[in-house]
Amino acid sequence: MRGSASCLNRLTGDPVLQVRNLVKRYPSGTVAVDNVSFDLHANDFLIIIGCSGAGKSTLLRCLNRLIEPTAGRVTLLGEDITRVSGAALQRVRRRVGMIFQQFHLVHRLTVLENVLAGRLRFQNSPVLHTLSLARLFPKHEKDYALHCLAEVGIADLAFQRADRLSGGQQQRVAIARVLAQEPDVLLADEPIASLDPRSASVVMSLLQDIHERKGIPVVINLHHLDFVKRYAKRVMGMSAGRVVFDGTASLLDEDTVAHIYGSRCPVTWEEVVACA
């Protein structure tokens, strides 16, 4: 399993992901990510916080090259992924699981078929690849996809169309699809922004459970400070494209939150403390 690479790094203490002097500057001159550097270890469950426009989503998408960084370096398990292109870049993206706010499912396909999309990277022979594109997967791949659905608690929905599910269920399908990739790192960009509080708690608990059981490092962008206090092992605060805080959730006090958010803090400090 790909996740075993992260487990090996957990034993050695080496970073799974290294980011050095990362910059994203748009043609307009706007600097969305400004000289960001950090290491991500296998035992990190990292939540990035900050106002809208702080650079959180841009940073996350630079980590798997969905957005091209202007400068800097990103290293995944020792490989400089800012230098790769073509087929090599596709292989890198398949090693980095990505969960989005809007789920990115194919609505006309079944839940199982959506999860099987995560297995495409393992169809190495031309025959298997052609069959998979025709939605004809080997039995062992279907069994593995069903196992991934069972891990997120919705194996009973495997043969329903994706568009018949609730938002929370669709996000769980997206998580199962990422599990099917067997990634080395899991990134989640505002994964609970469209969900009700109960579904949001279920999704965050699933991500935490995957991290702890499989030893996969997780990076999540969130606006919900109450969830940060409940789930984060490590918190990174961003403002104007820069990292202005990097520490444990226990170090988030009123002054620190004010420094990260300025006058646009999304909740009162009393609400944050109440969730600690």
Protein backbone atom coordinates (compact mmCIF):
# COMPACT_ATOMS: atom_id res chain seq x y z
CA MET A 1 0.00 0.00 0.00
CA ARG A 2 1.18 3.52 -0.74
CA GLY A 3 0.37 4.56 2.80
CA SER A 4 3.21 2.32 3.96
CA ALA A 5 5.67 4.96 2.76
CA SER A 6 4.20 7.41 5.24
CA CYS A 7 4.37 4.73 7.93
CA LEU A 8 8.08 4.24 7.20
CA ASN A 9 8.63 7.97 7.58
CA ARG A 10 6.76 7.83 10.88
CA LEU A 11 9.41 5.37 12.10
CA THR A 12 12.39 7.29 10.72
CA GLY A 13 11.09 10.75 11.62
CA ASP A 14 11.82 12.04 8.11
CA PRO A 15 9.28 14.51 6.67
CA VAL A 16 6.76 13.12 4.21
CA LEU A 17 6.40 16.55 2.60
CA GLN A 18 8.87 19.45 2.62
CA VAL A 19 7.95 22.93 1.43
CA ARG A 20 10.71 25.49 0.93
CA ASN A 21 10.32 29.18 0.05
CA LEU A 22 7.10 28.58 -1.87
CA VAL A 23 5.73 31.58 -3.77
CA LYS A 24 2.68 32.00 -5.97
CA ARG A 25 2.50 35.34 -7.76
CA TYR A 26 -0.24 35.95 -10.31
CA PRO A 27 0.27 38.04 -13.49
CA SER A 28 -1.71 40.86 -11.85
CA GLY A 29 1.05 41.13 -9.26
CA THR A 30 -1.02 39.61 -6.44
CA VAL A 31 1.10 37.39 -4.20
CA ALA A 32 -1.18 34.62 -2.91
CA VAL A 33 1.57 32.55 -1.25
CA ASP A 34 4.55 34.48 0.05
CA ASN A 35 7.74 32.56 0.86
CA VAL A 36 6.12 29.69 2.80
CA SER A 37 8.30 26.93 4.28
CA PHE A 38 7.32 23.99 6.50
CA ASP A 39 7.78 20.24 6.99
CA LEU A 40 4.89 17.78 7.19
CA HIS A 41 5.51 14.59 9.15
CA ALA A 42 3.52 11.35 9.20
CA ASN A 43 2.09 12.17 12.63
CA ASP A 44 0.79 15.61 11.56
CA PHE A 45 -2.94 16.31 11.45
CA LEU A 46 -2.50 19.90 10.31
CA ILE A 47 -5.31 22.43 10.00
CA ILE A 48 -4.64 25.71 8.19
CA ILE A 49 -6.74 28.70 9.23
CA GLY A 50 -7.03 32.30 8.12
CA CYS A 51 -9.40 34.77 6.50
CA SER A 52 -10.74 34.29 2.99
CA GLY A 53 -7.98 35.42 0.64
CA ALA A 54 -5.21 34.55 3.09
CA GLY A 55 -3.73 32.03 0.63
CA LYS A 56 -4.88 28.77 2.23
CA SER A 57 -6.46 27.16 -0.83
CA THR A 58 -3.72 28.39 -3.14
CA LEU A 59 -1.07 26.88 -0.88
CA LEU A 60 -2.89 23.55 -0.74
CA ARG A 61 -3.24 23.40 -4.52
CA CYS A 62 0.42 24.27 -5.01
CA LEU A 63 1.33 21.19 -2.96
CA ASN A 64 0.06 18.86 -5.70
CA ARG A 65 0.61 21.26 -8.61
CA LEU A 66 -3.06 21.91 -9.33
CA ILE A 67 -1.74 25.47 -9.21
CA GLU A 68 1.79 26.05 -10.47
CA PRO A 69 4.00 27.80 -7.91
CA THR A 70 6.04 30.76 -9.14
CA ALA A 71 9.08 29.84 -7.06
CA GLY A 72 10.19 27.47 -4.33
CA ARG A 73 10.26 23.72 -3.92
CA VAL A 74 7.90 20.97 -2.76
CA THR A 75 9.44 17.58 -1.96
CA LEU A 76 7.31 14.43 -1.49
CA LEU A 77 9.18 11.53 0.14
CA GLY A 78 12.45 12.89 -1.19
CA GLU A 79 11.24 13.63 -4.74
CA ASP A 80 11.20 17.27 -5.89
CA ILE A 81 7.71 17.41 -7.38
CA THR A 82 8.07 20.99 -8.61
CA ARG A 83 10.45 19.70 -11.30
CA VAL A 84 8.30 16.92 -12.77
CA SER A 85 5.93 17.13 -15.74
CA GLY A 86 3.80 14.96 -17.99
CA ALA A 87 3.28 11.38 -16.85
CA ALA A 88 5.56 11.90 -13.84
CA LEU A 89 3.35 14.77 -12.64
CA GLN A 90 0.25 12.60 -13.00
CA ARG A 91 1.91 9.92 -10.86
CA VAL A 92 2.67 12.52 -8.18
CA ARG A 93 -0.92 13.78 -8.13
CA ARG A 94 -2.17 10.24 -7.65
CA ARG A 95 0.07 9.91 -4.59
CA VAL A 96 -1.48 13.04 -3.05
CA GLY A 97 -5.15 12.51 -2.18
CA MET A 98 -7.33 15.62 -2.53
CA ILE A 99 -10.78 16.24 -1.06
CA PHE A 100 -12.71 19.31 -2.23
CA GLN A 101 -15.56 21.35 -0.81
CA GLN A 102 -17.84 20.48 -3.75
CA PHE A 103 -17.10 16.71 -3.70
CA HIS A 104 -16.19 16.43 -7.44
CA LEU A 105 -18.20 13.25 -8.01
CA VAL A 106 -19.63 12.09 -11.34
CA HIS A 107 -23.34 12.28 -10.51
CA ARG A 108 -24.60 9.86 -13.17
CA LEU A 109 -22.25 7.10 -11.94
CA THR A 110 -22.87 4.86 -8.97
CA VAL A 111 -21.12 5.39 -5.65
CA LEU A 112 -18.96 2.32 -6.32
CA GLU A 113 -17.95 3.55 -9.79
CA ASN A 114 -16.92 6.90 -8.33
CA VAL A 115 -14.70 5.16 -5.78
CA LEU A 116 -13.21 2.89 -8.45
CA ALA A 117 -11.91 6.04 -10.16
CA GLY A 118 -9.38 6.14 -7.34
CA ARG A 119 -8.02 2.78 -8.54
CA LEU A 120 -7.16 3.95 -12.07
CA ARG A 121 -3.52 4.53 -11.10
CA PHE A 122 -3.14 0.80 -10.44
CA GLN A 123 -4.37 -0.31 -13.89
CA ASN A 124 -0.88 -0.48 -15.36
CA SER A 125 -1.38 -2.81 -18.31
CA PRO A 126 -3.00 -1.43 -21.49
CA VAL A 127 -5.74 -4.07 -21.30
CA LEU A 128 -6.64 -3.28 -17.68
CA HIS A 129 -6.55 0.45 -18.35
CA THR A 130 -8.87 0.11 -21.35
CA LEU A 131 -11.28 -2.07 -19.38
CA SER A 132 -11.30 0.39 -16.48
CA LEU A 133 -12.12 3.28 -18.80
CA ALA A 134 -15.11 1.21 -19.91
CA ARG A 135 -16.03 0.83 -16.20
CA LEU A 136 -15.06 -2.86 -16.28
CA PHE A 137 -12.85 -3.36 -13.24
CA PRO A 138 -11.45 -6.69 -11.99
CA LYS A 139 -13.29 -8.25 -9.05
CA HIS A 140 -10.41 -7.60 -6.61
CA GLU A 141 -10.56 -3.88 -7.45
CA LYS A 142 -14.31 -3.80 -6.84
CA ASP A 143 -13.78 -5.61 -3.56
CA TYR A 144 -11.19 -3.05 -2.51
CA ALA A 145 -13.49 -0.16 -3.43
CA LEU A 146 -16.26 -1.75 -1.35
CA HIS A 147 -13.79 -2.06 1.52
CA CYS A 148 -13.05 1.68 1.24
CA LEU A 149 -16.78 2.42 1.33
CA ALA A 150 -17.14 0.25 4.42
CA GLU A 151 -14.36 2.24 6.08
CA VAL A 152 -16.43 5.42 5.75
CA GLY A 153 -19.67 3.67 6.71
CA ILE A 154 -21.61 3.73 3.44
CA ALA A 155 -21.01 0.33 1.80
CA ASP A 156 -24.79 -0.09 1.70
CA LEU A 157 -25.00 2.82 -0.77
CA ALA A 158 -22.51 1.33 -3.26
CA PHE A 159 -24.99 0.86 -6.12
CA GLN A 160 -26.91 4.12 -5.76
CA ARG A 161 -26.28 7.01 -8.14
CA ALA A 162 -24.08 9.65 -6.56
CA ASP A 163 -26.61 12.43 -7.15
CA ARG A 164 -29.15 10.70 -4.89
CA LEU A 165 -27.00 11.10 -1.80
CA SER A 166 -26.99 13.87 0.79
CA GLY A 167 -24.06 16.28 0.95
CA GLY A 168 -22.52 14.48 3.90
CA GLN A 169 -22.82 11.12 2.14
CA GLN A 170 -21.29 12.53 -1.05
CA GLN A 171 -18.30 13.82 0.91
CA ARG A 172 -17.86 10.36 2.41
CA VAL A 173 -17.81 8.93 -1.12
CA ALA A 174 -15.07 11.44 -1.96
CA ILE A 175 -13.10 10.28 1.09
CA ALA A 176 -13.54 6.63 0.05
CA ARG A 177 -12.27 7.51 -3.43
CA VAL A 178 -9.16 9.06 -1.90
CA LEU A 179 -8.66 5.95 0.26
CA ALA A 180 -8.82 3.87 -2.92
CA GLN A 181 -5.83 5.85 -4.23
CA GLU A 182 -3.74 4.67 -1.25
CA PRO A 183 -2.13 8.12 -0.99
CA ASP A 184 1.01 9.18 0.83
CA VAL A 185 -0.55 12.52 1.86
CA LEU A 186 -4.17 13.63 2.19
CA LEU A 187 -5.18 17.24 1.45
CA ALA A 188 -8.67 18.61 2.13
CA ASP A 189 -9.78 22.05 0.95
CA GLU A 190 -12.71 23.25 3.09
CA PRO A 191 -14.20 19.73 3.25
CA ILE A 192 -17.03 20.66 5.65
CA ALA A 193 -17.96 24.13 4.39
CA SER A 194 -21.11 22.87 2.63
CA LEU A 195 -22.23 20.48 5.39
CA ASP A 196 -24.55 20.70 8.37
CA PRO A 197 -22.89 20.46 11.82
CA ARG A 198 -23.61 16.74 12.30
CA SER A 199 -22.28 15.76 8.86
CA ALA A 200 -19.28 18.04 9.39
CA SER A 201 -18.43 16.22 12.62
CA VAL A 202 -18.73 12.84 10.88
CA VAL A 203 -16.38 13.92 8.08
CA MET A 204 -13.79 15.38 10.46
CA SER A 205 -13.89 12.25 12.63
CA LEU A 206 -13.38 10.06 9.55
CA LEU A 207 -10.36 12.08 8.46
CA GLN A 208 -8.93 11.89 11.98
CA ASP A 209 -9.51 8.12 12.09
CA ILE A 210 -7.83 7.59 8.70
CA HIS A 211 -4.84 9.61 9.87
CA GLU A 212 -4.46 7.67 13.10
CA ARG A 213 -5.05 4.17 11.70
CA LYS A 214 -3.13 4.46 8.45
CA GLY A 215 -0.37 6.86 9.47
CA ILE A 216 -1.17 9.23 6.60
CA PRO A 217 -0.44 12.93 7.25
CA VAL A 218 -3.45 15.18 6.69
CA VAL A 219 -3.61 18.89 5.79
CA ILE A 220 -7.01 20.61 5.99
CA ASN A 221 -8.11 24.17 5.28
CA LEU A 222 -10.90 25.26 7.64
CA HIS A 223 -12.81 28.36 8.66
CA HIS A 224 -14.42 26.65 11.68
CA LEU A 225 -12.30 27.43 14.74
CA ASP A 226 -14.42 25.17 16.94
CA PHE A 227 -13.41 22.17 14.80
CA VAL A 228 -9.79 23.30 14.93
CA LYS A 229 -9.82 23.07 18.71
CA ARG A 230 -11.48 19.65 18.62
CA TYR A 231 -9.39 17.94 15.95
CA ALA A 232 -6.08 19.64 15.13
CA LYS A 233 -2.76 18.30 16.36
CA ARG A 234 -1.04 21.21 14.66
CA VAL A 235 -2.37 24.55 13.45
CA MET A 236 -0.92 26.87 10.83
CA GLY A 237 -2.31 30.39 10.60
CA MET A 238 -2.00 32.35 7.35
CA SER A 239 -2.43 36.04 6.66
CA ALA A 240 -1.70 37.82 3.37
CA GLY A 241 -0.01 34.72 1.97
CA ARG A 242 2.39 34.27 4.87
CA VAL A 243 2.49 31.79 7.74
CA VAL A 244 2.05 33.87 10.89
CA PHE A 245 1.47 30.99 13.34
CA ASP A 246 2.58 27.36 13.46
CA GLY A 247 1.97 25.42 16.65
CA THR A 248 -0.43 23.24 18.60
CA ALA A 249 -4.10 24.09 19.01
CA SER A 250 -3.48 24.59 22.74
CA LEU A 251 -1.36 27.65 21.88
CA LEU A 252 -4.24 29.37 20.10
CA ASP A 253 -5.20 32.18 22.45
CA GLU A 254 -7.19 35.35 21.92
CA ASP A 255 -4.18 37.42 20.85
CA THR A 256 -2.99 34.76 18.40
CA VAL A 257 -6.42 34.42 16.77
CA ALA A 258 -6.64 38.21 16.50
CA HIS A 259 -3.18 38.27 14.89
CA ILE A 260 -4.25 35.68 12.30
CA TYR A 261 -7.69 37.11 11.50
CA GLY A 262 -7.33 40.76 12.43
CA SER A 263 -10.73 42.40 12.77
CA ARG A 264 -12.41 39.66 10.70
CA CYS A 265 -12.33 36.87 13.27
CA PRO A 266 -15.15 34.44 12.29
CA VAL A 267 -16.23 33.69 15.87
CA THR A 268 -15.81 35.23 19.28
CA TRP A 269 -12.99 34.01 21.50
CA GLU A 270 -15.54 32.79 24.05
CA GLU A 271 -16.98 30.41 21.42
CA VAL A 272 -13.51 29.02 20.70
CA VAL A 273 -12.75 28.45 24.38
CA ALA A 274 -16.12 26.75 24.89
CA CYS A 275 -15.14 24.12 22.31
CA ALA A 276 -11.70 23.41 23.77
